[in-house]
């Protein structure tokens, strides 16, 4: 489909008409499904880590601004308490 689209829209049309089968073969050889899936997982992981960092940083700032350092220390040690605080602050 990509080759047809390019030909129809004048993108490398002459080259693709002449070498269509070779281009298709190269694309099929080069595409690695496992590598693609790993890439998607890595991107998702990195996005999740970034969101998690932002969430915990917001909690740290809020607790610090309210002088709740004891809660901050407890949240660092207790996952359930940390989740309770996330809920309390709608994070």
PDB file of N, CA and C in Angstrom:
ATOM      1  N   UNK A   1       0.825  -1.197   0.000  1.00  0.00           N
ATOM      2  CA  UNK A   1       0.000   0.000   0.000  1.00  0.00           C
ATOM      3  C   UNK A   1       0.866   1.256   0.000  1.00  0.00           C
ATOM      4  N   UNK A   2       1.948   1.227   0.748  1.00  0.00           N
ATOM      5  CA  UNK A   2       2.819   2.401   0.830  1.00  0.00           C
ATOM      6  C   UNK A   2       3.449   2.692  -0.524  1.00  0.00           C
ATOM      7  N   UNK A   3       3.852   1.651  -1.210  1.00  0.00           N
ATOM      8  CA  UNK A   3       4.458   1.838  -2.530  1.00  0.00           C
ATOM      9  C   UNK A   3       3.435   2.411  -3.497  1.00  0.00           C
ATOM     10  N   UNK A   4       2.221   1.860  -3.494  1.00  0.00           N
ATOM     11  CA  UNK A   4       1.161   2.366  -4.372  1.00  0.00           C
ATOM     12  C   UNK A   4       0.854   3.828  -4.067  1.00  0.00           C
ATOM     13  N   UNK A   5       0.784   4.168  -2.789  1.00  0.00           N
ATOM     14  CA  UNK A   5       0.520   5.547  -2.386  1.00  0.00           C
ATOM     15  C   UNK A   5       1.602   6.476  -2.937  1.00  0.00           C
ATOM     16  N   UNK A   6       2.851   6.071  -2.763  1.00  0.00           N
ATOM     17  CA  UNK A   6       3.960   6.909  -3.225  1.00  0.00           C
ATOM     18  C   UNK A   6       3.909   7.091  -4.740  1.00  0.00           C
ATOM     19  N   UNK A   7       3.650   6.017  -5.479  1.00  0.00           N
ATOM     20  CA  UNK A   7       3.577   6.105  -6.932  1.00  0.00           C
ATOM     21  C   UNK A   7       2.444   7.047  -7.336  1.00  0.00           C
ATOM     22  N   UNK A   8       1.273   6.893  -6.714  1.00  0.00           N
ATOM     23  CA  UNK A   8       0.111   7.728  -7.042  1.00  0.00           C
ATOM     24  C   UNK A   8       0.352   9.202  -6.742  1.00  0.00           C
ATOM     25  N   UNK A   9       1.180   9.481  -5.745  1.00  0.00           N
ATOM     26  CA  UNK A   9       1.428  10.866  -5.340  1.00  0.00           C
ATOM     27  C   UNK A   9       2.775  11.400  -5.836  1.00  0.00           C
ATOM     28  N   UNK A  10       3.393  10.681  -6.747  1.00  0.00           N
ATOM     29  CA  UNK A  10       4.621  11.155  -7.361  1.00  0.00           C
ATOM     30  C   UNK A  10       5.842  11.133  -6.471  1.00  0.00           C
ATOM     31  N   UNK A  11       5.812  10.335  -5.428  1.00  0.00           N
ATOM     32  CA  UNK A  11       6.950  10.230  -4.519  1.00  0.00           C
ATOM     33  C   UNK A  11       7.810   9.058  -4.981  1.00  0.00           C
ATOM     34  N   UNK A  12       8.962   9.367  -5.521  1.00  0.00           N
ATOM     35  CA  UNK A  12       9.868   8.344  -6.071  1.00  0.00           C
ATOM     36  C   UNK A  12       9.149   7.419  -7.057  1.00  0.00           C
ATOM     37  N   UNK A  13       8.168   7.940  -7.745  1.00  0.00           N
ATOM     38  CA  UNK A  13       7.300   7.123  -8.607  1.00  0.00           C
ATOM     39  C   UNK A  13       8.095   6.345  -9.652  1.00  0.00           C
ATOM     40  N   UNK A  14       8.979   7.003 -10.346  1.00  0.00           N
ATOM     41  CA  UNK A  14       9.750   6.354 -11.411  1.00  0.00           C
ATOM     42  C   UNK A  14      10.583   5.194 -10.845  1.00  0.00           C
ATOM     43  N   UNK A  15      11.255   5.470  -9.754  1.00  0.00           N
ATOM     44  CA  UNK A  15      12.094   4.448  -9.112  1.00  0.00           C
ATOM     45  C   UNK A  15      11.241   3.272  -8.634  1.00  0.00           C
ATOM     46  N   UNK A  16      10.124   3.568  -7.990  1.00  0.00           N
ATOM     47  CA  UNK A  16       9.288   2.507  -7.432  1.00  0.00           C
ATOM     48  C   UNK A  16       8.620   1.671  -8.523  1.00  0.00           C
ATOM     49  N   UNK A  17       8.219   2.291  -9.611  1.00  0.00           N
ATOM     50  CA  UNK A  17       7.647   1.508 -10.726  1.00  0.00           C
ATOM     51  C   UNK A  17       8.677   0.525 -11.257  1.00  0.00           C
ATOM     52  N   UNK A  18       9.904   0.991 -11.379  1.00  0.00           N
ATOM     53  CA  UNK A  18      10.971   0.166 -11.953  1.00  0.00           C
ATOM     54  C   UNK A  18      11.420  -0.929 -10.973  1.00  0.00           C
ATOM     55  N   UNK A  19      11.434  -0.639  -9.673  1.00  0.00           N
ATOM     56  CA  UNK A  19      12.030  -1.547  -8.685  1.00  0.00           C
ATOM     57  C   UNK A  19      11.041  -2.038  -7.634  1.00  0.00           C
ATOM     58  N   UNK A  20       9.767  -2.049  -7.960  1.00  0.00           N
ATOM     59  CA  UNK A  20       8.736  -2.392  -6.973  1.00  0.00           C
ATOM     60  C   UNK A  20       9.028  -3.701  -6.249  1.00  0.00           C
ATOM     61  N   UNK A  21       9.268  -4.770  -6.961  1.00  0.00           N
ATOM     62  CA  UNK A  21       9.443  -6.078  -6.309  1.00  0.00           C
ATOM     63  C   UNK A  21      10.684  -6.094  -5.420  1.00  0.00           C
ATOM     64  N   UNK A  22      11.740  -5.442  -5.846  1.00  0.00           N
ATOM     65  CA  UNK A  22      12.953  -5.391  -5.024  1.00  0.00           C
ATOM     66  C   UNK A  22      12.704  -4.594  -3.740  1.00  0.00           C
ATOM     67  N   UNK A  23      11.984  -3.493  -3.852  1.00  0.00           N
ATOM     68  CA  UNK A  23      11.673  -2.670  -2.679  1.00  0.00           C
ATOM     69  C   UNK A  23      10.806  -3.461  -1.700  1.00  0.00           C
ATOM     70  N   UNK A  24       9.778  -4.138  -2.210  1.00  0.00           N
ATOM     71  CA  UNK A  24       8.913  -4.951  -1.342  1.00  0.00           C
ATOM     72  C   UNK A  24       9.742  -6.015  -0.636  1.00  0.00           C
ATOM     73  N   UNK A  25      10.611  -6.691  -1.376  1.00  0.00           N
ATOM     74  CA  UNK A  25      11.464  -7.719  -0.783  1.00  0.00           C
ATOM     75  C   UNK A  25      12.354  -7.167   0.311  1.00  0.00           C
ATOM     76  N   UNK A  26      12.931  -6.005   0.071  1.00  0.00           N
ATOM     77  CA  UNK A  26      13.804  -5.389   1.073  1.00  0.00           C
ATOM     78  C   UNK A  26      13.005  -5.012   2.321  1.00  0.00           C
ATOM     79  N   UNK A  27      11.816  -4.480   2.126  1.00  0.00           N
ATOM     80  CA  UNK A  27      10.993  -4.109   3.275  1.00  0.00           C
ATOM     81  C   UNK A  27      10.647  -5.331   4.119  1.00  0.00           C
ATOM     82  N   UNK A  28      10.287  -6.415   3.448  1.00  0.00           N
ATOM     83  CA  UNK A  28       9.920  -7.624   4.176  1.00  0.00           C
ATOM     84  C   UNK A  28      11.122  -8.230   4.902  1.00  0.00           C
ATOM     85  N   UNK A  29      12.281  -8.167   4.293  1.00  0.00           N
ATOM     86  CA  UNK A  29      13.490  -8.686   4.939  1.00  0.00           C
ATOM     87  C   UNK A  29      13.888  -7.841   6.139  1.00  0.00           C
ATOM     88  N   UNK A  30      13.747  -6.543   6.018  1.00  0.00           N
ATOM     89  CA  UNK A  30      14.219  -5.627   7.045  1.00  0.00           C
ATOM     90  C   UNK A  30      13.290  -5.529   8.246  1.00  0.00           C
ATOM     91  N   UNK A  31      11.996  -5.754   8.027  1.00  0.00           N
ATOM     92  CA  UNK A  31      11.050  -5.572   9.125  1.00  0.00           C
ATOM     93  C   UNK A  31      11.165  -6.729  10.106  1.00  0.00           C
ATOM     94  N   UNK A  32      11.428  -6.415  11.329  1.00  0.00           N
ATOM     95  CA  UNK A  32      11.598  -7.412  12.382  1.00  0.00           C
ATOM     96  C   UNK A  32      10.491  -7.184  13.420  1.00  0.00           C
ATOM     97  N   UNK A  33       9.494  -8.065  13.427  1.00  0.00           N
ATOM     98  CA  UNK A  33       8.340  -7.916  14.310  1.00  0.00           C
ATOM     99  C   UNK A  33       8.771  -7.881  15.769  1.00  0.00           C
ATOM    100  N   UNK A  34       9.678  -8.768  16.150  1.00  0.00           N
ATOM    101  CA  UNK A  34      10.124  -8.798  17.546  1.00  0.00           C
ATOM    102  C   UNK A  34      10.794  -7.485  17.949  1.00  0.00           C
ATOM    103  N   UNK A  35      11.630  -6.975  17.050  1.00  0.00           N
ATOM    104  CA  UNK A  35      12.307  -5.709  17.337  1.00  0.00           C
ATOM    105  C   UNK A  35      11.285  -4.575  17.449  1.00  0.00           C
ATOM    106  N   UNK A  36      10.301  -4.574  16.580  1.00  0.00           N
ATOM    107  CA  UNK A  36       9.241  -3.565  16.618  1.00  0.00           C
ATOM    108  C   UNK A  36       8.475  -3.629  17.938  1.00  0.00           C
ATOM    109  N   UNK A  37       8.106  -4.842  18.351  1.00  0.00           N
ATOM    110  CA  UNK A  37       7.363  -5.007  19.603  1.00  0.00           C
ATOM    111  C   UNK A  37       8.209  -4.592  20.804  1.00  0.00           C
ATOM    112  N   UNK A  38       9.502  -4.913  20.777  1.00  0.00           N
ATOM    113  CA  UNK A  38      10.397  -4.472  21.863  1.00  0.00           C
ATOM    114  C   UNK A  38      10.448  -2.946  21.917  1.00  0.00           C
ATOM    115  N   UNK A  39      10.486  -2.335  20.750  1.00  0.00           N
ATOM    116  CA  UNK A  39      10.528  -0.878  20.671  1.00  0.00           C
ATOM    117  C   UNK A  39       9.263  -0.273  21.273  1.00  0.00           C
ATOM    118  N   UNK A  40       8.113  -0.857  20.950  1.00  0.00           N
ATOM    119  CA  UNK A  40       6.850  -0.364  21.511  1.00  0.00           C
ATOM    120  C   UNK A  40       6.828  -0.516  23.024  1.00  0.00           C
ATOM    121  N   UNK A  41       7.290  -1.670  23.514  1.00  0.00           N
ATOM    122  CA  UNK A  41       7.317  -1.881  24.964  1.00  0.00           C
ATOM    123  C   UNK A  41       8.252  -0.889  25.639  1.00  0.00           C
ATOM    124  N   UNK A  42       9.415  -0.660  25.033  1.00  0.00           N
ATOM    125  CA  UNK A  42      10.389   0.271  25.608  1.00  0.00           C
ATOM    126  C   UNK A  42       9.796   1.685  25.671  1.00  0.00           C
ATOM    127  N   UNK A  43       9.121   2.100  24.604  1.00  0.00           N
ATOM    128  CA  UNK A  43       8.494   3.425  24.599  1.00  0.00           C
ATOM    129  C   UNK A  43       7.422   3.523  25.680  1.00  0.00           C
ATOM    130  N   UNK A  44       6.619   2.473  25.825  1.00  0.00           N
ATOM    131  CA  UNK A  44       5.580   2.455  26.859  1.00  0.00           C
ATOM    132  C   UNK A  44       6.173   2.497  28.249  1.00  0.00           C
ATOM    133  N   UNK A  45       7.256   1.747  28.435  1.00  0.00           N
ATOM    134  CA  UNK A  45       7.943   1.726  29.727  1.00  0.00           C
ATOM    135  C   UNK A  45       8.476   3.117  30.069  1.00  0.00           C
ATOM    136  N   UNK A  46       9.133   3.743  29.095  1.00  0.00           N
ATOM    137  CA  UNK A  46       9.709   5.064  29.328  1.00  0.00           C
ATOM    138  C   UNK A  46       8.619   6.094  29.623  1.00  0.00           C
ATOM    139  N   UNK A  47       7.507   6.001  28.909  1.00  0.00           N
ATOM    140  CA  UNK A  47       6.392   6.918  29.151  1.00  0.00           C
ATOM    141  C   UNK A  47       5.820   6.706  30.558  1.00  0.00           C
ATOM    142  N   UNK A  48       5.674   5.451  30.953  1.00  0.00           N
ATOM    143  CA  UNK A  48       5.169   5.145  32.289  1.00  0.00           C
ATOM    144  C   UNK A  48       6.101   5.632  33.379  1.00  0.00           C
ATOM    145  N   UNK A  49       7.384   5.458  33.166  1.00  0.00           N
ATOM    146  CA  UNK A  49       8.361   5.945  34.147  1.00  0.00           C
ATOM    147  C   UNK A  49       8.274   7.458  34.290  1.00  0.00           C
ATOM    148  N   UNK A  50       8.158   8.155  33.177  1.00  0.00           N
ATOM    149  CA  UNK A  50       8.053   9.618  33.203  1.00  0.00           C
ATOM    150  C   UNK A  50       6.798  10.057  33.964  1.00  0.00           C
ATOM    151  N   UNK A  51       5.682   9.398  33.701  1.00  0.00           N
ATOM    152  CA  UNK A  51       4.442   9.738  34.393  1.00  0.00           C
ATOM    153  C   UNK A  51       4.558   9.452  35.888  1.00  0.00           C
ATOM    154  N   UNK A  52       5.198   8.342  36.231  1.00  0.00           N
ATOM    155  CA  UNK A  52       5.393   7.997  37.635  1.00  0.00           C
ATOM    156  C   UNK A  52       6.273   9.010  38.351  1.00  0.00           C
ATOM    157  N   UNK A  53       7.329   9.444  37.678  1.00  0.00           N
ATOM    158  CA  UNK A  53       8.220  10.442  38.264  1.00  0.00           C
ATOM    159  C   UNK A  53       7.475  11.754  38.494  1.00  0.00           C
ATOM    160  N   UNK A  54       6.676  12.159  37.528  1.00  0.00           N
ATOM    161  CA  UNK A  54       5.918  13.399  37.670  1.00  0.00           C
ATOM    162  C   UNK A  54       4.940  13.297  38.841  1.00  0.00           C
ATOM    163  N   UNK A  55       4.315  12.136  38.964  1.00  0.00           N
ATOM    164  CA  UNK A  55       3.326  11.926  40.032  1.00  0.00           C
ATOM    165  C   UNK A  55       3.991  12.001  41.408  1.00  0.00           C
ATOM    166  N   UNK A  56       5.093  11.303  41.585  1.00  0.00           N
ATOM    167  CA  UNK A  56       5.763  11.297  42.887  1.00  0.00           C
ATOM    168  C   UNK A  56       6.363  12.667  43.193  1.00  0.00           C
ATOM    169  N   UNK A  57       6.884  13.348  42.161  1.00  0.00           N
ATOM    170  CA  UNK A  57       7.435  14.691  42.379  1.00  0.00           C
ATOM    171  C   UNK A  57       6.357  15.661  42.845  1.00  0.00           C
ATOM    172  N   UNK A  58       5.159  15.563  42.267  1.00  0.00           N
ATOM    173  CA  UNK A  58       4.056  16.422  42.711  1.00  0.00           C
ATOM    174  C   UNK A  58       3.708  16.137  44.165  1.00  0.00           C
ATOM    175  N   UNK A  59       3.680  14.864  44.518  1.00  0.00           N
ATOM    176  CA  UNK A  59       3.378  14.498  45.909  1.00  0.00           C
ATOM    177  C   UNK A  59       4.437  15.048  46.853  1.00  0.00           C
ATOM    178  N   UNK A  60       5.691  14.926  46.490  1.00  0.00           N
ATOM    179  CA  UNK A  60       6.787  15.439  47.324  1.00  0.00           C
ATOM    180  C   UNK A  60       6.636  16.944  47.527  1.00  0.00           C
ATOM    181  N   UNK A  61       6.356  17.659  46.452  1.00  0.00           N
ATOM    182  CA  UNK A  61       6.205  19.121  46.555  1.00  0.00           C
ATOM    183  C   UNK A  61       5.039  19.475  47.464  1.00  0.00           C
ATOM    184  N   UNK A  62       3.902  18.820  47.262  1.00  0.00           N
ATOM    185  CA  UNK A  62       2.721  19.126  48.081  1.00  0.00           C
ATOM    186  C   UNK A  62       2.958  18.835  49.558  1.00  0.00           C
ATOM    187  N   UNK A  63       3.547  17.689  49.848  1.00  0.00           N
ATOM    188  CA  UNK A  63       3.800  17.335  51.248  1.00  0.00           C
ATOM    189  C   UNK A  63       4.824  18.272  51.870  1.00  0.00           C
ATOM    190  N   UNK A  64       5.820  18.650  51.112  1.00  0.00           N
ATOM    191  CA  UNK A  64       6.846  19.564  51.615  1.00  0.00           C
ATOM    192  C   UNK A  64       6.252  20.941  51.888  1.00  0.00           C
ATOM    193  N   UNK A  65       5.417  21.426  50.972  1.00  0.00           N
ATOM    194  CA  UNK A  65       4.790  22.737  51.154  1.00  0.00           C
ATOM    195  C   UNK A  65       3.909  22.774  52.403  1.00  0.00           C
ATOM    196  N   UNK A  66       3.356  21.627  52.773  1.00  0.00           N
ATOM    197  CA  UNK A  66       2.484  21.564  53.947  1.00  0.00           C
ATOM    198  C   UNK A  66       3.223  21.067  55.186  1.00  0.00           C
ATOM    199  N   UNK A  67       4.535  21.038  55.105  1.00  0.00           N
ATOM    200  CA  UNK A  67       5.377  20.593  56.222  1.00  0.00           C
ATOM    201  C   UNK A  67       4.990  19.204  56.726  1.00  0.00           C
ATOM    202  N   UNK A  68       4.636  18.321  55.816  1.00  0.00           N
ATOM    203  CA  UNK A  68       4.248  16.956  56.187  1.00  0.00           C
ATOM    204  C   UNK A  68       5.428  16.010  55.905  1.00  0.00           C
ATOM    205  N   UNK A  69       6.570  16.343  56.487  1.00  0.00           N
ATOM    206  CA  UNK A  69       7.767  15.544  56.223  1.00  0.00           C
ATOM    207  C   UNK A  69       7.653  14.124  56.767  1.00  0.00           C
ATOM    208  N   UNK A  70       6.966  13.945  57.882  1.00  0.00           N
ATOM    209  CA  UNK A  70       6.779  12.595  58.415  1.00  0.00           C
ATOM    210  C   UNK A  70       5.975  11.744  57.431  1.00  0.00           C
ATOM    211  N   UNK A  71       4.944  12.355  56.824  1.00  0.00           N
ATOM    212  CA  UNK A  71       4.148  11.637  55.822  1.00  0.00           C
ATOM    213  C   UNK A  71       4.988  11.327  54.588  1.00  0.00           C
ATOM    214  N   UNK A  72       5.871  12.237  54.245  1.00  0.00           N
ATOM    215  CA  UNK A  72       6.743  12.027  53.091  1.00  0.00           C
ATOM    216  C   UNK A  72       7.662  10.826  53.316  1.00  0.00           C
ATOM    217  N   UNK A  73       8.241  10.753  54.492  1.00  0.00           N
ATOM    218  CA  UNK A  73       9.118   9.626  54.833  1.00  0.00           C
ATOM    219  C   UNK A  73       8.318   8.325  54.849  1.00  0.00           C
ATOM    220  N   UNK A  74       7.140   8.358  55.455  1.00  0.00           N
ATOM    221  CA  UNK A  74       6.296   7.158  55.509  1.00  0.00           C
ATOM    222  C   UNK A  74       5.889   6.720  54.105  1.00  0.00           C
ATOM    223  N   UNK A  75       5.559   7.675  53.238  1.00  0.00           N
ATOM    224  CA  UNK A  75       5.162   7.356  51.860  1.00  0.00           C
ATOM    225  C   UNK A  75       6.310   6.696  51.097  1.00  0.00           C
ATOM    226  N   UNK A  76       7.536   7.109  51.401  1.00  0.00           N
ATOM    227  CA  UNK A  76       8.691   6.515  50.736  1.00  0.00           C
ATOM    228  C   UNK A  76       8.904   5.062  51.145  1.00  0.00           C
ATOM    229  N   UNK A  77       8.408   4.695  52.319  1.00  0.00           N
ATOM    230  CA  UNK A  77       8.622   3.353  52.850  1.00  0.00           C
ATOM    231  C   UNK A  77       7.407   2.437  52.719  1.00  0.00           C
ATOM    232  N   UNK A  78       6.226   3.016  52.524  1.00  0.00           N
ATOM    233  CA  UNK A  78       4.988   2.245  52.581  1.00  0.00           C
ATOM    234  C   UNK A  78       4.149   2.507  51.325  1.00  0.00           C
ATOM    235  N   UNK A  79       4.101   1.523  50.457  1.00  0.00           N
ATOM    236  CA  UNK A  79       3.400   1.682  49.183  1.00  0.00           C
ATOM    237  C   UNK A  79       1.911   1.980  49.383  1.00  0.00           C
ATOM    238  N   UNK A  80       1.275   1.278  50.295  1.00  0.00           N
ATOM    239  CA  UNK A  80      -0.160   1.504  50.535  1.00  0.00           C
ATOM    240  C   UNK A  80      -0.421   2.924  51.019  1.00  0.00           C
ATOM    241  N   UNK A  81       0.429   3.419  51.894  1.00  0.00           N
ATOM    242  CA  UNK A  81       0.269   4.782  52.392  1.00  0.00           C
ATOM    243  C   UNK A  81       0.493   5.793  51.265  1.00  0.00           C
ATOM    244  N   UNK A  82       1.496   5.501  50.444  1.00  0.00           N
ATOM    245  CA  UNK A  82       1.789   6.376  49.301  1.00  0.00           C
ATOM    246  C   UNK A  82       0.568   6.444  48.371  1.00  0.00           C
ATOM    247  N   UNK A  83      -0.062   5.299  48.107  1.00  0.00           N
ATOM    248  CA  UNK A  83      -1.261   5.264  47.264  1.00  0.00           C
ATOM    249  C   UNK A  83      -2.399   6.055  47.898  1.00  0.00           C
ATOM    250  N   UNK A  84      -2.507   5.971  49.217  1.00  0.00           N
ATOM    251  CA  UNK A  84      -3.526   6.736  49.943  1.00  0.00           C
ATOM    252  C   UNK A  84      -3.299   8.235  49.737  1.00  0.00           C
ATOM    253  N   UNK A  85      -2.041   8.655  49.797  1.00  0.00           N
ATOM    254  CA  UNK A  85      -1.720  10.066  49.595  1.00  0.00           C
ATOM    255  C   UNK A  85      -1.980  10.492  48.144  1.00  0.00           C
ATOM    256  N   UNK A  86      -1.663   9.615  47.195  1.00  0.00           N
ATOM    257  CA  UNK A  86      -1.970   9.918  45.789  1.00  0.00           C
ATOM    258  C   UNK A  86      -3.467  10.177  45.637  1.00  0.00           C
ATOM    259  N   UNK A  87      -4.261   9.348  46.273  1.00  0.00           N
ATOM    260  CA  UNK A  87      -5.710   9.506  46.226  1.00  0.00           C
ATOM    261  C   UNK A  87      -6.142  10.794  46.920  1.00  0.00           C
ATOM    262  N   UNK A  88      -5.563  11.060  48.071  1.00  0.00           N
ATOM    263  CA  UNK A  88      -5.889  12.278  48.833  1.00  0.00           C
ATOM    264  C   UNK A  88      -5.655  13.539  47.998  1.00  0.00           C
ATOM    265  N   UNK A  89      -4.569  13.544  47.215  1.00  0.00           N
ATOM    266  CA  UNK A  89      -4.211  14.712  46.417  1.00  0.00           C
ATOM    267  C   UNK A  89      -4.665  14.590  44.953  1.00  0.00           C
ATOM    268  N   UNK A  90      -5.459  13.564  44.675  1.00  0.00           N
ATOM    269  CA  UNK A  90      -5.952  13.349  43.303  1.00  0.00           C
ATOM    270  C   UNK A  90      -4.818  13.291  42.284  1.00  0.00           C
ATOM    271  N   UNK A  91      -3.805  12.530  42.619  1.00  0.00           N
ATOM    272  CA  UNK A  91      -2.650  12.393  41.719  1.00  0.00           C
ATOM    273  C   UNK A  91      -2.688  11.025  41.024  1.00  0.00           C
TER     274      UNK A  91
END
